[in-house]
Amino acid sequence: MLFNLKLIYWDISEINQLSFQDTASSNGDNLIFFHDEIMFYIIIILVLVGWLLLCALKNEYYHKFLLENNTIEIIWTLIPAIILILIAIPSLFLLYSIDENLEPSLIIKVVGHQWYWSYEYSNFLSIIEFDSYMTSTLDLENGAFRLLETDNDLILPVNTDIKLIVSSADVIHCWTVPSLGVKIDAIPGRLNQINFNINRPGRFFGQCSELCGLNHSFMPISIHSVSQERFIN
């Protein structure tokens, strides 16, 4: 393994998990907050529409008040419009915050292949680059995670502005790590970029989220986040 670091903390989805994984970046926090806000509106709409339908089914004369009523037409046009505005404002804020082009302290180049990832650290005097393949089930150590462990993990420092420059060497892939709120397409002939900042040490796992061929399920992403001092050493 390129970096042999043993960390206590790891983030991984659990069996029968209904909630999101614990986030480790501001992007992930904002995404979960936006999801909770949308769920609030969905529950209100579901209860209101369900109540109206139930009333209409129980009373055969109920619908006569809904015919040619301009006031009701205005109400059920304005309310959805207001709800859409309340959803659109935080949605646009979130999109622009994720796409904000900050001055990064560390740039990582990521290239997707069938079926593994290549990484390159571009900020050092001698460029560090390596390939990251999934660890075979037969080679897993006790306590390791099947289909998620890699032979060379990506090591990143905490509390550091990081930019990923992502592309592909063959077909479309998608570099995705749920705990970091990062999901970016790797497209042949095109460079996509995304910024994020990891706020705590740990291990974070992801997978390719774009159907890219036979071994699509076997090109995981494994990240170690460590302190800045440990990263430099």
Protein backbone atom coordinates (compact mmCIF):
# COMPACT_ATOMS: atom_id res chain seq x y z
CA MET A 1 0.00 0.00 0.00
CA LEU A 2 1.29 3.45 -0.91
CA PHE A 3 0.34 4.90 2.49
CA ASN A 4 0.06 2.51 5.39
CA LEU A 5 -2.00 4.49 7.90
CA LYS A 6 -4.34 3.01 10.49
CA LEU A 7 -7.18 5.30 11.54
CA ILE A 8 -9.87 4.76 14.12
CA TYR A 9 -12.72 6.61 12.47
CA TRP A 10 -14.45 5.41 9.32
CA ASP A 11 -17.67 6.33 7.57
CA ILE A 12 -19.62 3.64 5.78
CA SER A 13 -23.28 2.91 5.16
CA GLU A 14 -24.85 0.34 7.48
CA ILE A 15 -27.39 -2.41 6.95
CA ASN A 16 -30.98 -1.09 6.86
CA GLN A 17 -29.73 2.49 7.24
CA LEU A 18 -32.49 5.03 6.50
CA SER A 19 -30.63 8.28 7.20
CA PHE A 20 -27.63 9.80 5.46
CA GLN A 21 -24.07 9.00 6.42
CA ASP A 22 -22.39 11.40 8.82
CA THR A 23 -20.94 14.22 6.76
CA ALA A 24 -17.36 15.43 6.94
CA SER A 25 -17.53 18.57 4.79
CA SER A 26 -19.53 21.77 4.47
CA ASN A 27 -20.90 20.54 1.13
CA GLY A 28 -22.36 17.47 2.82
CA ASP A 29 -23.83 19.54 5.66
CA ASN A 30 -25.54 21.89 3.20
CA LEU A 31 -26.94 19.01 1.16
CA ILE A 32 -28.48 17.35 4.22
CA PHE A 33 -29.92 20.66 5.44
CA PHE A 34 -31.49 21.22 2.01
CA HIS A 35 -32.93 17.69 2.04
CA ASP A 36 -34.51 18.25 5.46
CA GLU A 37 -36.03 21.53 4.28
CA ILE A 38 -37.54 19.87 1.20
CA MET A 39 -38.96 17.05 3.33
CA PHE A 40 -40.72 19.65 5.48
CA TYR A 41 -42.55 21.03 2.44
CA ILE A 42 -43.30 17.55 1.12
CA ILE A 43 -44.95 16.48 4.37
CA ILE A 44 -47.12 19.62 4.48
CA ILE A 45 -48.21 19.14 0.85
CA LEU A 46 -48.91 15.44 1.40
CA VAL A 47 -51.08 16.10 4.46
CA LEU A 48 -52.98 18.99 2.83
CA VAL A 49 -53.67 17.21 -0.47
CA GLY A 50 -54.58 13.98 1.33
CA TRP A 51 -57.03 15.84 3.56
CA LEU A 52 -58.68 17.56 0.57
CA LEU A 53 -59.02 14.26 -1.31
CA LEU A 54 -60.49 12.55 1.75
CA CYS A 55 -63.03 15.35 2.22
CA ALA A 56 -64.01 15.21 -1.45
CA LEU A 57 -64.52 11.44 -1.31
CA LYS A 58 -66.57 11.52 1.88
CA ASN A 59 -68.96 14.31 0.78
CA GLU A 60 -70.62 14.02 -2.61
CA TYR A 61 -71.63 17.69 -2.51
CA TYR A 62 -68.17 18.94 -1.55
CA HIS A 63 -67.03 19.47 -5.14
CA LYS A 64 -69.76 21.97 -5.99
CA PHE A 65 -67.86 24.71 -4.15
CA LEU A 66 -64.79 24.09 -6.33
CA LEU A 67 -66.50 24.79 -9.65
CA GLU A 68 -65.84 28.17 -11.30
CA ASN A 69 -64.41 29.68 -8.12
CA ASN A 70 -61.80 32.31 -8.99
CA THR A 71 -60.65 32.69 -5.39
CA ILE A 72 -59.77 29.02 -5.09
CA GLU A 73 -58.02 29.12 -8.49
CA ILE A 74 -55.86 32.00 -7.29
CA ILE A 75 -55.08 30.27 -3.98
CA TRP A 76 -53.98 26.96 -5.46
CA THR A 77 -51.87 28.79 -8.03
CA LEU A 78 -50.14 31.15 -5.61
CA ILE A 79 -49.37 28.58 -2.90
CA PRO A 80 -47.40 26.23 -5.20
CA ALA A 81 -45.61 29.24 -6.70
CA ILE A 82 -44.55 30.42 -3.23
CA ILE A 83 -43.41 26.91 -2.29
CA LEU A 84 -41.32 26.66 -5.48
CA ILE A 85 -39.67 30.00 -4.70
CA LEU A 86 -38.86 28.84 -1.15
CA ILE A 87 -37.28 25.71 -2.63
CA ALA A 88 -35.47 27.48 -5.47
CA ILE A 89 -33.64 30.05 -3.31
CA PRO A 90 -31.69 27.57 -1.11
CA SER A 91 -31.28 25.26 -4.11
CA LEU A 92 -29.51 27.95 -6.15
CA PHE A 93 -27.45 28.97 -3.13
CA LEU A 94 -26.33 25.35 -2.70
CA LEU A 95 -25.48 24.90 -6.37
CA TYR A 96 -23.38 28.06 -6.50
CA SER A 97 -21.64 27.27 -3.19
CA ILE A 98 -20.62 23.83 -4.49
CA ASP A 99 -19.40 25.28 -7.81
CA GLU A 100 -17.58 28.21 -6.18
CA ASN A 101 -14.05 28.38 -7.55
CA LEU A 102 -11.87 28.90 -4.49
CA GLU A 103 -8.09 29.21 -4.50
CA PRO A 104 -7.13 25.68 -3.43
CA SER A 105 -4.21 24.67 -1.25
CA LEU A 106 -4.10 21.22 -2.82
CA ILE A 107 -4.99 20.06 -6.33
CA ILE A 108 -5.67 16.40 -7.06
CA LYS A 109 -6.06 15.08 -10.60
CA VAL A 110 -8.41 12.09 -10.90
CA VAL A 111 -8.77 9.92 -14.00
CA GLY A 112 -11.31 7.13 -14.32
CA HIS A 113 -10.46 3.91 -16.14
CA GLN A 114 -12.20 0.63 -16.79
CA TRP A 115 -12.13 -0.24 -13.92
CA TYR A 116 -9.90 1.66 -11.51
CA TRP A 117 -8.96 5.23 -10.56
CA SER A 118 -5.70 7.08 -11.14
CA TYR A 119 -4.62 9.94 -8.86
CA GLU A 120 -1.96 12.62 -9.20
CA TYR A 121 -0.73 15.13 -6.61
CA SER A 122 0.33 18.17 -8.62
CA ASN A 123 1.46 20.56 -5.87
CA PHE A 124 4.78 18.95 -5.03
CA LEU A 125 8.24 19.33 -6.55
CA SER A 126 8.15 15.68 -7.58
CA ILE A 127 4.71 14.74 -8.87
CA ILE A 128 3.17 11.79 -7.05
CA GLU A 129 0.86 9.60 -9.10
CA PHE A 130 -0.55 6.13 -8.60
CA ASP A 131 -3.39 3.81 -9.56
CA SER A 132 -6.01 2.62 -7.11
CA TYR A 133 -7.53 -0.84 -7.64
CA MET A 134 -10.14 -2.62 -5.55
CA THR A 135 -8.66 -5.09 -3.07
CA SER A 136 -9.71 -8.63 -3.91
CA THR A 137 -11.99 -10.36 -1.42
CA LEU A 138 -9.35 -13.05 -0.95
CA ASP A 139 -6.77 -10.42 0.09
CA LEU A 140 -8.91 -8.58 2.64
CA GLU A 141 -7.70 -8.34 6.22
CA ASN A 142 -9.98 -8.92 9.20
CA GLY A 143 -12.32 -5.96 9.64
CA ALA A 144 -11.84 -4.66 6.10
CA PHE A 145 -14.82 -3.78 3.93
CA ARG A 146 -15.66 -5.93 0.94
CA LEU A 147 -15.87 -4.11 -2.43
CA LEU A 148 -14.73 -0.84 -0.80
CA GLU A 149 -11.06 -1.34 0.10
CA THR A 150 -8.33 -0.35 -2.36
CA ASP A 151 -4.67 -1.21 -2.65
CA ASN A 152 -3.65 2.48 -2.74
CA ASP A 153 -5.86 4.93 -0.85
CA LEU A 154 -6.13 8.65 -1.50
CA ILE A 155 -4.60 10.58 1.43
CA LEU A 156 -5.98 14.07 2.03
CA PRO A 157 -5.40 16.66 4.79
CA VAL A 158 -8.21 18.04 6.95
CA ASN A 159 -9.17 21.73 7.05
CA THR A 160 -7.61 22.31 3.65
CA ASP A 161 -9.24 23.69 0.50
CA ILE A 162 -8.95 20.86 -2.02
CA LYS A 163 -9.73 20.97 -5.72
CA LEU A 164 -10.38 17.84 -7.74
CA ILE A 165 -9.82 17.91 -11.49
CA VAL A 166 -11.61 14.89 -12.89
CA SER A 167 -11.57 13.25 -16.32
CA SER A 168 -11.78 9.81 -17.91
CA ALA A 169 -9.52 7.78 -20.17
CA ASP A 170 -12.24 5.67 -21.79
CA VAL A 171 -15.97 5.89 -20.91
CA ILE A 172 -18.02 8.09 -18.58
CA HIS A 173 -17.40 7.43 -14.88
CA CYS A 174 -18.55 9.32 -11.77
CA TRP A 175 -16.33 9.98 -8.73
CA THR A 176 -18.67 9.91 -5.71
CA VAL A 177 -18.07 10.02 -1.95
CA PRO A 178 -21.37 10.46 -0.02
CA SER A 179 -19.76 11.45 3.31
CA LEU A 180 -18.03 14.40 1.63
CA GLY A 181 -21.04 15.48 -0.43
CA VAL A 182 -18.97 15.05 -3.60
CA LYS A 183 -20.30 13.66 -6.88
CA ILE A 184 -18.63 14.65 -10.15
CA ASP A 185 -18.69 13.09 -13.60
CA ALA A 186 -15.51 11.88 -15.27
CA ILE A 187 -16.02 12.45 -19.00
CA PRO A 188 -13.48 11.58 -21.74
CA GLY A 189 -11.91 14.69 -23.27
CA ARG A 190 -13.33 17.01 -20.63
CA LEU A 191 -11.99 18.36 -17.32
CA ASN A 192 -14.54 18.79 -14.54
CA GLN A 193 -13.62 20.32 -11.20
CA ILE A 194 -15.06 20.53 -7.72
CA ASN A 195 -13.89 22.06 -4.43
CA PHE A 196 -14.38 20.68 -0.92
CA ASN A 197 -12.89 20.84 2.55
CA ILE A 198 -12.75 17.85 4.91
CA ASN A 199 -13.42 18.95 8.49
CA ARG A 200 -12.38 15.83 10.44
CA PRO A 201 -9.99 12.90 10.15
CA GLY A 202 -11.25 9.47 9.20
CA ARG A 203 -11.82 7.02 6.37
CA PHE A 204 -14.40 7.70 3.70
CA PHE A 205 -15.60 5.36 0.99
CA GLY A 206 -17.27 5.89 -2.34
CA GLN A 207 -17.89 4.17 -5.66
CA CYS A 208 -18.35 4.97 -9.31
CA SER A 209 -21.93 6.21 -9.76
CA GLU A 210 -22.11 5.97 -13.55
CA LEU A 211 -22.77 2.64 -15.27
CA CYS A 212 -19.42 2.21 -17.01
CA GLY A 213 -19.32 -1.41 -18.06
CA LEU A 214 -18.89 -4.94 -16.80
CA ASN A 215 -16.91 -4.16 -13.63
CA HIS A 216 -18.71 -0.94 -12.77
CA SER A 217 -19.31 -2.22 -9.22
CA PHE A 218 -15.65 -2.98 -8.66
CA MET A 219 -13.91 0.42 -8.80
CA PRO A 220 -14.31 1.83 -5.28
CA ILE A 221 -12.91 5.03 -3.79
CA SER A 222 -11.13 4.94 -0.45
CA ILE A 223 -9.95 8.13 1.27
CA HIS A 224 -7.87 8.69 4.40
CA SER A 225 -8.13 12.17 5.89
CA VAL A 226 -5.34 13.06 8.28
CA SER A 227 -3.99 16.17 9.98
CA GLN A 228 -2.02 18.63 7.87
CA GLU A 229 1.18 17.84 9.78
CA ARG A 230 0.77 14.11 9.25
CA PHE A 231 -0.05 14.65 5.58
CA ILE A 232 3.12 16.68 5.03
CA ASN A 233 5.26 14.10 6.86
